[in-house]
Amino acid sequence: MYIIKKGEVEVMEEQTFVQSITILSDGSCFGELSILNLPGKFTDNRRTQTVRTKGFVDLYVLDKKDLNRILQDFPDAKKAYLKRLVNFDTTVV
């Protein structure tokens, strides 16, 4: 999972990678599905979108072990994260 510290990335249309779907900037995150093993259409899918930078970008990288520890230690963060995942199928980010 990646959290944008500074900069912008584009989430690209997954078939042609030509059209930008949305732009993410400081504080946004992406890649959260790649570290989970969710049942259903996301199972074993390492990625669902392609992201490319719009210049220099500083990112924080959060691996599965660290994410699980954070979600265990911070219940409010866990609620927000789970809410984001529930809404994932109806929103781009």
PDB file of N, CA and C in Angstrom:
ATOM      1  N   MET A   1       0.856  -1.159   0.000  1.00  0.00           N
ATOM      2  CA  MET A   1       0.000   0.000   0.000  1.00  0.00           C
ATOM      3  C   MET A   1       0.906   1.227   0.000  1.00  0.00           C
ATOM      4  N   TYR A   2       0.494   2.241  -0.731  1.00  0.00           N
ATOM      5  CA  TYR A   2       1.283   3.462  -0.847  1.00  0.00           C
ATOM      6  C   TYR A   2       0.459   4.664  -0.392  1.00  0.00           C
ATOM      7  N   ILE A   3       1.097   5.552   0.332  1.00  0.00           N
ATOM      8  CA  ILE A   3       0.476   6.805   0.758  1.00  0.00           C
ATOM      9  C   ILE A   3       1.308   7.930   0.165  1.00  0.00           C
ATOM     10  N   ILE A   4       0.647   8.851  -0.509  1.00  0.00           N
ATOM     11  CA  ILE A   4       1.358   9.943  -1.162  1.00  0.00           C
ATOM     12  C   ILE A   4       1.716  11.009  -0.130  1.00  0.00           C
ATOM     13  N   LYS A   5       3.006  11.186   0.081  1.00  0.00           N
ATOM     14  CA  LYS A   5       3.486  12.238   0.974  1.00  0.00           C
ATOM     15  C   LYS A   5       3.447  13.577   0.244  1.00  0.00           C
ATOM     16  N   LYS A   6       3.966  13.594  -0.980  1.00  0.00           N
ATOM     17  CA  LYS A   6       3.994  14.823  -1.762  1.00  0.00           C
ATOM     18  C   LYS A   6       4.021  14.466  -3.239  1.00  0.00           C
ATOM     19  N   GLY A   7       3.188  15.137  -4.009  1.00  0.00           N
ATOM     20  CA  GLY A   7       3.156  14.917  -5.449  1.00  0.00           C
ATOM     21  C   GLY A   7       1.804  14.425  -5.924  1.00  0.00           C
ATOM     22  N   GLU A   8       1.766  14.010  -7.183  1.00  0.00           N
ATOM     23  CA  GLU A   8       0.525  13.537  -7.786  1.00  0.00           C
ATOM     24  C   GLU A   8       0.773  12.292  -8.625  1.00  0.00           C
ATOM     25  N   VAL A   9      -0.225  11.411  -8.632  1.00  0.00           N
ATOM     26  CA  VAL A   9      -0.218  10.243  -9.505  1.00  0.00           C
ATOM     27  C   VAL A   9      -1.553  10.182 -10.235  1.00  0.00           C
ATOM     28  N   GLU A  10      -1.534   9.559 -11.408  1.00  0.00           N
ATOM     29  CA  GLU A  10      -2.753   9.345 -12.183  1.00  0.00           C
ATOM     30  C   GLU A  10      -3.163   7.888 -12.078  1.00  0.00           C
ATOM     31  N   VAL A  11      -4.442   7.652 -11.875  1.00  0.00           N
ATOM     32  CA  VAL A  11      -4.995   6.307 -11.963  1.00  0.00           C
ATOM     33  C   VAL A  11      -5.486   6.165 -13.394  1.00  0.00           C
ATOM     34  N   MET A  12      -4.935   5.180 -14.095  1.00  0.00           N
ATOM     35  CA  MET A  12      -5.194   5.038 -15.525  1.00  0.00           C
ATOM     36  C   MET A  12      -6.276   4.006 -15.821  1.00  0.00           C
ATOM     37  N   GLU A  13      -6.975   4.226 -16.926  1.00  0.00           N
ATOM     38  CA  GLU A  13      -7.957   3.275 -17.439  1.00  0.00           C
ATOM     39  C   GLU A  13      -7.215   1.970 -17.693  1.00  0.00           C
ATOM     40  N   GLU A  14      -7.741   0.866 -17.181  1.00  0.00           N
ATOM     41  CA  GLU A  14      -6.958  -0.372 -17.120  1.00  0.00           C
ATOM     42  C   GLU A  14      -6.768  -1.117 -18.435  1.00  0.00           C
ATOM     43  N   GLN A  15      -7.528  -0.840 -19.456  1.00  0.00           N
ATOM     44  CA  GLN A  15      -7.373  -1.561 -20.721  1.00  0.00           C
ATOM     45  C   GLN A  15      -6.302  -0.951 -21.623  1.00  0.00           C
ATOM     46  N   THR A  16      -6.344   0.372 -21.799  1.00  0.00           N
ATOM     47  CA  THR A  16      -5.421   1.016 -22.745  1.00  0.00           C
ATOM     48  C   THR A  16      -4.326   1.811 -22.062  1.00  0.00           C
ATOM     49  N   PHE A  17      -4.516   2.152 -20.800  1.00  0.00           N
ATOM     50  CA  PHE A  17      -3.567   2.963 -20.029  1.00  0.00           C
ATOM     51  C   PHE A  17      -3.354   4.340 -20.652  1.00  0.00           C
ATOM     52  N   VAL A  18      -4.304   4.796 -21.469  1.00  0.00           N
ATOM     53  CA  VAL A  18      -4.190   6.096 -22.124  1.00  0.00           C
ATOM     54  C   VAL A  18      -4.993   7.153 -21.378  1.00  0.00           C
ATOM     55  N   GLN A  19      -6.192   6.800 -20.949  1.00  0.00           N
ATOM     56  CA  GLN A  19      -7.079   7.767 -20.313  1.00  0.00           C
ATOM     57  C   GLN A  19      -6.908   7.762 -18.798  1.00  0.00           C
ATOM     58  N   SER A  20      -6.766   8.961 -18.239  1.00  0.00           N
ATOM     59  CA  SER A  20      -6.661   9.124 -16.794  1.00  0.00           C
ATOM     60  C   SER A  20      -8.060   9.088 -16.184  1.00  0.00           C
ATOM     61  N   ILE A  21      -8.250   8.238 -15.164  1.00  0.00           N
ATOM     62  CA  ILE A  21      -9.538   8.140 -14.476  1.00  0.00           C
ATOM     63  C   ILE A  21      -9.637   9.200 -13.390  1.00  0.00           C
ATOM     64  N   THR A  22      -8.569   9.360 -12.642  1.00  0.00           N
ATOM     65  CA  THR A  22      -8.546  10.355 -11.570  1.00  0.00           C
ATOM     66  C   THR A  22      -7.099  10.675 -11.221  1.00  0.00           C
ATOM     67  N   ILE A  23      -6.925  11.743 -10.474  1.00  0.00           N
ATOM     68  CA  ILE A  23      -5.596  12.136 -10.000  1.00  0.00           C
ATOM     69  C   ILE A  23      -5.611  12.098  -8.480  1.00  0.00           C
ATOM     70  N   LEU A  24      -4.604  11.460  -7.910  1.00  0.00           N
ATOM     71  CA  LEU A  24      -4.447  11.394  -6.458  1.00  0.00           C
ATOM     72  C   LEU A  24      -3.295  12.295  -6.058  1.00  0.00           C
ATOM     73  N   SER A  25      -3.431  12.947  -4.903  1.00  0.00           N
ATOM     74  CA  SER A  25      -2.380  13.856  -4.450  1.00  0.00           C
ATOM     75  C   SER A  25      -2.091  13.647  -2.969  1.00  0.00           C
ATOM     76  N   ASP A  26      -1.370  14.583  -2.375  1.00  0.00           N
ATOM     77  CA  ASP A  26      -0.900  14.495  -0.992  1.00  0.00           C
ATOM     78  C   ASP A  26      -1.966  13.910  -0.053  1.00  0.00           C
ATOM     79  N   GLY A  27      -1.583  12.860   0.676  1.00  0.00           N
ATOM     80  CA  GLY A  27      -2.469  12.243   1.651  1.00  0.00           C
ATOM     81  C   GLY A  27      -3.322  11.113   1.106  1.00  0.00           C
ATOM     82  N   SER A  28      -3.415  10.985  -0.206  1.00  0.00           N
ATOM     83  CA  SER A  28      -4.196   9.897  -0.810  1.00  0.00           C
ATOM     84  C   SER A  28      -3.406   8.595  -0.747  1.00  0.00           C
ATOM     85  N   CYS A  29      -4.119   7.482  -0.838  1.00  0.00           N
ATOM     86  CA  CYS A  29      -3.432   6.195  -0.845  1.00  0.00           C
ATOM     87  C   CYS A  29      -3.945   5.330  -1.984  1.00  0.00           C
ATOM     88  N   PHE A  30      -3.125   4.358  -2.355  1.00  0.00           N
ATOM     89  CA  PHE A  30      -3.498   3.391  -3.383  1.00  0.00           C
ATOM     90  C   PHE A  30      -2.737   2.102  -3.133  1.00  0.00           C
ATOM     91  N   GLY A  31      -3.209   1.033  -3.756  1.00  0.00           N
ATOM     92  CA  GLY A  31      -2.552  -0.262  -3.598  1.00  0.00           C
ATOM     93  C   GLY A  31      -3.028  -1.060  -2.407  1.00  0.00           C
ATOM     94  N   GLU A  32      -4.088  -0.605  -1.741  1.00  0.00           N
ATOM     95  CA  GLU A  32      -4.547  -1.302  -0.543  1.00  0.00           C
ATOM     96  C   GLU A  32      -5.090  -2.695  -0.844  1.00  0.00           C
ATOM     97  N   LEU A  33      -5.635  -2.904  -2.029  1.00  0.00           N
ATOM     98  CA  LEU A  33      -6.151  -4.236  -2.360  1.00  0.00           C
ATOM     99  C   LEU A  33      -5.046  -5.239  -2.626  1.00  0.00           C
ATOM    100  N   SER A  34      -3.895  -4.758  -3.040  1.00  0.00           N
ATOM    101  CA  SER A  34      -2.810  -5.681  -3.396  1.00  0.00           C
ATOM    102  C   SER A  34      -2.214  -6.397  -2.188  1.00  0.00           C
ATOM    103  N   ILE A  35      -2.436  -5.880  -0.989  1.00  0.00           N
ATOM    104  CA  ILE A  35      -1.877  -6.549   0.191  1.00  0.00           C
ATOM    105  C   ILE A  35      -2.925  -7.347   0.956  1.00  0.00           C
ATOM    106  N   LEU A  36      -4.147  -7.380   0.423  1.00  0.00           N
ATOM    107  CA  LEU A  36      -5.209  -8.144   1.068  1.00  0.00           C
ATOM    108  C   LEU A  36      -5.540  -9.368   0.235  1.00  0.00           C
ATOM    109  N   ASN A  37      -6.094 -10.370   0.867  1.00  0.00           N
ATOM    110  CA  ASN A  37      -6.599 -11.534   0.138  1.00  0.00           C
ATOM    111  C   ASN A  37      -8.103 -11.544   0.330  1.00  0.00           C
ATOM    112  N   LEU A  38      -8.809 -10.778  -0.498  1.00  0.00           N
ATOM    113  CA  LEU A  38     -10.251 -10.641  -0.360  1.00  0.00           C
ATOM    114  C   LEU A  38     -10.977 -11.696  -1.181  1.00  0.00           C
ATOM    115  N   PRO A  39     -12.067 -12.248  -0.634  1.00  0.00           N
ATOM    116  CA  PRO A  39     -12.870 -13.175  -1.424  1.00  0.00           C
ATOM    117  C   PRO A  39     -13.592 -12.419  -2.532  1.00  0.00           C
ATOM    118  N   GLY A  40     -13.949 -13.131  -3.573  1.00  0.00           N
ATOM    119  CA  GLY A  40     -14.700 -12.505  -4.656  1.00  0.00           C
ATOM    120  C   GLY A  40     -13.807 -12.101  -5.803  1.00  0.00           C
ATOM    121  N   LYS A  41     -14.221 -11.039  -6.487  1.00  0.00           N
ATOM    122  CA  LYS A  41     -13.534 -10.679  -7.727  1.00  0.00           C
ATOM    123  C   LYS A  41     -12.117 -10.160  -7.532  1.00  0.00           C
ATOM    124  N   PHE A  42     -11.731  -9.794  -6.312  1.00  0.00           N
ATOM    125  CA  PHE A  42     -10.387  -9.277  -6.078  1.00  0.00           C
ATOM    126  C   PHE A  42      -9.413 -10.355  -5.605  1.00  0.00           C
ATOM    127  N   THR A  43      -9.879 -11.596  -5.401  1.00  0.00           N
ATOM    128  CA  THR A  43      -9.016 -12.669  -4.926  1.00  0.00           C
ATOM    129  C   THR A  43      -7.868 -12.916  -5.898  1.00  0.00           C
ATOM    130  N   ASP A  44      -6.686 -13.011  -5.358  1.00  0.00           N
ATOM    131  CA  ASP A  44      -5.477 -13.291  -6.140  1.00  0.00           C
ATOM    132  C   ASP A  44      -5.195 -12.261  -7.232  1.00  0.00           C
ATOM    133  N   ASN A  45      -5.776 -11.106  -7.128  1.00  0.00           N
ATOM    134  CA  ASN A  45      -5.524 -10.060  -8.115  1.00  0.00           C
ATOM    135  C   ASN A  45      -4.545  -9.071  -7.499  1.00  0.00           C
ATOM    136  N   ARG A  46      -3.336  -9.077  -7.971  1.00  0.00           N
ATOM    137  CA  ARG A  46      -2.306  -8.220  -7.398  1.00  0.00           C
ATOM    138  C   ARG A  46      -2.561  -6.749  -7.673  1.00  0.00           C
ATOM    139  N   ARG A  47      -3.310  -6.439  -8.730  1.00  0.00           N
ATOM    140  CA  ARG A  47      -3.638  -5.041  -8.981  1.00  0.00           C
ATOM    141  C   ARG A  47      -4.925  -4.944  -9.775  1.00  0.00           C
ATOM    142  N   THR A  48      -5.644  -3.866  -9.558  1.00  0.00           N
ATOM    143  CA  THR A  48      -6.893  -3.626 -10.267  1.00  0.00           C
ATOM    144  C   THR A  48      -6.813  -2.372 -11.130  1.00  0.00           C
ATOM    145  N   GLN A  49      -5.814  -1.550 -10.918  1.00  0.00           N
ATOM    146  CA  GLN A  49      -5.609  -0.325 -11.689  1.00  0.00           C
ATOM    147  C   GLN A  49      -4.110  -0.122 -11.898  1.00  0.00           C
ATOM    148  N   THR A  50      -3.785   0.729 -12.850  1.00  0.00           N
ATOM    149  CA  THR A  50      -2.405   1.137 -13.063  1.00  0.00           C
ATOM    150  C   THR A  50      -2.272   2.588 -12.637  1.00  0.00           C
ATOM    151  N   VAL A  51      -1.202   2.882 -11.929  1.00  0.00           N
ATOM    152  CA  VAL A  51      -0.956   4.237 -11.437  1.00  0.00           C
ATOM    153  C   VAL A  51       0.389   4.697 -11.980  1.00  0.00           C
ATOM    154  N   ARG A  52       0.439   5.943 -12.459  1.00  0.00           N
ATOM    155  CA  ARG A  52       1.718   6.501 -12.914  1.00  0.00           C
ATOM    156  C   ARG A  52       1.878   7.901 -12.342  1.00  0.00           C
ATOM    157  N   THR A  53       3.121   8.289 -12.149  1.00  0.00           N
ATOM    158  CA  THR A  53       3.396   9.585 -11.528  1.00  0.00           C
ATOM    159  C   THR A  53       3.216  10.724 -12.518  1.00  0.00           C
ATOM    160  N   LYS A  54       2.954  11.896 -11.955  1.00  0.00           N
ATOM    161  CA  LYS A  54       2.878  13.125 -12.742  1.00  0.00           C
ATOM    162  C   LYS A  54       4.053  14.018 -12.341  1.00  0.00           C
ATOM    163  N   GLY A  55       5.230  13.446 -12.311  1.00  0.00           N
ATOM    164  CA  GLY A  55       6.423  14.157 -11.868  1.00  0.00           C
ATOM    165  C   GLY A  55       7.028  13.430 -10.683  1.00  0.00           C
ATOM    166  N   PHE A  56       7.806  14.150  -9.907  1.00  0.00           N
ATOM    167  CA  PHE A  56       8.426  13.550  -8.728  1.00  0.00           C
ATOM    168  C   PHE A  56       7.386  13.365  -7.635  1.00  0.00           C
ATOM    169  N   VAL A  57       7.419  12.196  -6.991  1.00  0.00           N
ATOM    170  CA  VAL A  57       6.457  11.869  -5.945  1.00  0.00           C
ATOM    171  C   VAL A  57       7.206  11.233  -4.780  1.00  0.00           C
ATOM    172  N   ASP A  58       6.904  11.686  -3.569  1.00  0.00           N
ATOM    173  CA  ASP A  58       7.404  11.049  -2.353  1.00  0.00           C
ATOM    174  C   ASP A  58       6.283  10.181  -1.806  1.00  0.00           C
ATOM    175  N   LEU A  59       6.589   8.902  -1.580  1.00  0.00           N
ATOM    176  CA  LEU A  59       5.596   7.945  -1.106  1.00  0.00           C
ATOM    177  C   LEU A  59       6.034   7.299   0.195  1.00  0.00           C
ATOM    178  N   TYR A  60       5.056   6.978   1.031  1.00  0.00           N
ATOM    179  CA  TYR A  60       5.275   6.076   2.154  1.00  0.00           C
ATOM    180  C   TYR A  60       4.826   4.700   1.679  1.00  0.00           C
ATOM    181  N   VAL A  61       5.559   3.663   2.049  1.00  0.00           N
ATOM    182  CA  VAL A  61       5.196   2.297   1.692  1.00  0.00           C
ATOM    183  C   VAL A  61       4.802   1.567   2.969  1.00  0.00           C
ATOM    184  N   LEU A  62       3.648   0.935   2.933  1.00  0.00           N
ATOM    185  CA  LEU A  62       3.138   0.211   4.089  1.00  0.00           C
ATOM    186  C   LEU A  62       2.910  -1.237   3.667  1.00  0.00           C
ATOM    187  N   ASP A  63       3.658  -2.178   4.269  1.00  0.00           N
ATOM    188  CA  ASP A  63       3.469  -3.579   3.902  1.00  0.00           C
ATOM    189  C   ASP A  63       2.346  -4.199   4.733  1.00  0.00           C
ATOM    190  N   LYS A  64       1.992  -5.430   4.402  1.00  0.00           N
ATOM    191  CA  LYS A  64       0.855  -6.096   5.037  1.00  0.00           C
ATOM    192  C   LYS A  64       1.041  -6.247   6.547  1.00  0.00           C
ATOM    193  N   LYS A  65       2.235  -6.611   6.964  1.00  0.00           N
ATOM    194  CA  LYS A  65       2.507  -6.798   8.393  1.00  0.00           C
ATOM    195  C   LYS A  65       2.300  -5.492   9.160  1.00  0.00           C
ATOM    196  N   ASP A  66       2.855  -4.408   8.646  1.00  0.00           N
ATOM    197  CA  ASP A  66       2.713  -3.114   9.315  1.00  0.00           C
ATOM    198  C   ASP A  66       1.267  -2.630   9.301  1.00  0.00           C
ATOM    199  N   LEU A  67       0.576  -2.830   8.180  1.00  0.00           N
ATOM    200  CA  LEU A  67      -0.829  -2.423   8.105  1.00  0.00           C
ATOM    201  C   LEU A  67      -1.662  -3.171   9.134  1.00  0.00           C
ATOM    202  N   ASN A  68      -1.466  -4.471   9.245  1.00  0.00           N
ATOM    203  CA  ASN A  68      -2.217  -5.258  10.231  1.00  0.00           C
ATOM    204  C   ASN A  68      -1.942  -4.789  11.652  1.00  0.00           C
ATOM    205  N   ARG A  69      -0.696  -4.448  11.938  1.00  0.00           N
ATOM    206  CA  ARG A  69      -0.349  -3.951  13.270  1.00  0.00           C
ATOM    207  C   ARG A  69      -1.047  -2.618  13.552  1.00  0.00           C
ATOM    208  N   ILE A  70      -1.052  -1.728  12.583  1.00  0.00           N
ATOM    209  CA  ILE A  70      -1.709  -0.428  12.746  1.00  0.00           C
ATOM    210  C   ILE A  70      -3.207  -0.609  12.956  1.00  0.00           C
ATOM    211  N   LEU A  71      -3.825  -1.477  12.159  1.00  0.00           N
ATOM    212  CA  LEU A  71      -5.267  -1.694  12.288  1.00  0.00           C
ATOM    213  C   LEU A  71      -5.623  -2.322  13.626  1.00  0.00           C
ATOM    214  N   GLN A  72      -4.726  -3.129  14.160  1.00  0.00           N
ATOM    215  CA  GLN A  72      -4.958  -3.738  15.465  1.00  0.00           C
ATOM    216  C   GLN A  72      -4.801  -2.710  16.588  1.00  0.00           C
ATOM    217  N   ASP A  73      -3.808  -1.848  16.485  1.00  0.00           N
ATOM    218  CA  ASP A  73      -3.509  -0.894  17.551  1.00  0.00           C
ATOM    219  C   ASP A  73      -4.376   0.365  17.526  1.00  0.00           C
ATOM    220  N   PHE A  74      -4.975   0.675  16.376  1.00  0.00           N
ATOM    221  CA  PHE A  74      -5.751   1.907  16.235  1.00  0.00           C
ATOM    222  C   PHE A  74      -7.140   1.588  15.681  1.00  0.00           C
ATOM    223  N   PRO A  75      -8.104   1.328  16.574  1.00  0.00           N
ATOM    224  CA  PRO A  75      -9.454   0.936  16.150  1.00  0.00           C
ATOM    225  C   PRO A  75     -10.141   1.955  15.230  1.00  0.00           C
ATOM    226  N   ASP A  76      -9.918   3.238  15.443  1.00  0.00           N
ATOM    227  CA  ASP A  76     -10.534   4.248  14.574  1.00  0.00           C
ATOM    228  C   ASP A  76      -9.988   4.161  13.152  1.00  0.00           C
ATOM    229  N   ALA A  77      -8.699   3.894  13.032  1.00  0.00           N
ATOM    230  CA  ALA A  77      -8.096   3.723  11.708  1.00  0.00           C
ATOM    231  C   ALA A  77      -8.662   2.473  11.038  1.00  0.00           C
ATOM    232  N   LYS A  78      -8.883   1.423  11.818  1.00  0.00           N
ATOM    233  CA  LYS A  78      -9.447   0.192  11.266  1.00  0.00           C
ATOM    234  C   LYS A  78     -10.850   0.439  10.727  1.00  0.00           C
ATOM    235  N   LYS A  79     -11.676   1.180  11.477  1.00  0.00           N
ATOM    236  CA  LYS A  79     -13.035   1.491  11.019  1.00  0.00           C
ATOM    237  C   LYS A  79     -13.000   2.273   9.708  1.00  0.00           C
ATOM    238  N   ALA A  80     -12.141   3.272   9.631  1.00  0.00           N
ATOM    239  CA  ALA A  80     -12.038   4.087   8.418  1.00  0.00           C
ATOM    240  C   ALA A  80     -11.552   3.250   7.240  1.00  0.00           C
ATOM    241  N   TYR A  81     -10.596   2.384   7.489  1.00  0.00           N
ATOM    242  CA  TYR A  81     -10.042   1.529   6.429  1.00  0.00           C
ATOM    243  C   TYR A  81     -11.096   0.558   5.907  1.00  0.00           C
ATOM    244  N   LEU A  82     -11.825  -0.086   6.821  1.00  0.00           N
ATOM    245  CA  LEU A  82     -12.862  -1.035   6.413  1.00  0.00           C
ATOM    246  C   LEU A  82     -13.986  -0.334   5.663  1.00  0.00           C
ATOM    247  N   LYS A  83     -14.328   0.866   6.089  1.00  0.00           N
ATOM    248  CA  LYS A  83     -15.353   1.645   5.385  1.00  0.00           C
ATOM    249  C   LYS A  83     -14.899   1.937   3.958  1.00  0.00           C
ATOM    250  N   ARG A  84     -13.643   2.274   3.805  1.00  0.00           N
ATOM    251  CA  ARG A  84     -13.088   2.539   2.470  1.00  0.00           C
ATOM    252  C   ARG A  84     -13.169   1.296   1.590  1.00  0.00           C
ATOM    253  N   LEU A  85     -12.857   0.133   2.155  1.00  0.00           N
ATOM    254  CA  LEU A  85     -12.907  -1.109   1.379  1.00  0.00           C
ATOM    255  C   LEU A  85     -14.332  -1.482   0.994  1.00  0.00           C
ATOM    256  N   VAL A  86     -15.283  -1.257   1.893  1.00  0.00           N
ATOM    257  CA  VAL A  86     -16.687  -1.548   1.592  1.00  0.00           C
ATOM    258  C   VAL A  86     -17.157  -0.707   0.414  1.00  0.00           C
ATOM    259  N   ASN A  87     -16.717   0.539   0.356  1.00  0.00           N
ATOM    260  CA  ASN A  87     -17.124   1.449  -0.711  1.00  0.00           C
ATOM    261  C   ASN A  87     -16.265   1.321  -1.961  1.00  0.00           C
ATOM    262  N   PHE A  88     -15.248   0.480  -1.941  1.00  0.00           N
ATOM    263  CA  PHE A  88     -14.293   0.413  -3.050  1.00  0.00           C
ATOM    264  C   PHE A  88     -14.949   0.072  -4.374  1.00  0.00           C
ATOM    265  N   ASP A  89     -15.891  -0.851  -4.367  1.00  0.00           N
ATOM    266  CA  ASP A  89     -16.487  -1.308  -5.621  1.00  0.00           C
ATOM    267  C   ASP A  89     -17.324  -0.231  -6.305  1.00  0.00           C
ATOM    268  N   THR A  90     -17.744   0.796  -5.567  1.00  0.00           N
ATOM    269  CA  THR A  90     -18.585   1.835  -6.157  1.00  0.00           C
ATOM    270  C   THR A  90     -17.840   3.132  -6.381  1.00  0.00           C
ATOM    271  N   THR A  91     -16.590   3.196  -5.956  1.00  0.00           N
ATOM    272  CA  THR A  91     -15.808   4.414  -6.144  1.00  0.00           C
ATOM    273  C   THR A  91     -14.474   4.071  -6.775  1.00  0.00           C
ATOM    274  N   VAL A  92     -13.861   5.060  -7.375  1.00  0.00           N
ATOM    275  CA  VAL A  92     -12.559   4.839  -8.012  1.00  0.00           C
ATOM    276  C   VAL A  92     -11.477   4.714  -6.975  1.00  0.00           C
ATOM    277  N   VAL A  93     -11.473   5.594  -5.972  1.00  0.00           N
ATOM    278  CA  VAL A  93     -10.429   5.585  -4.955  1.00  0.00           C
ATOM    279  C   VAL A  93     -11.040   5.567  -3.589  1.00  0.00           C
TER     280      VAL A  93
END
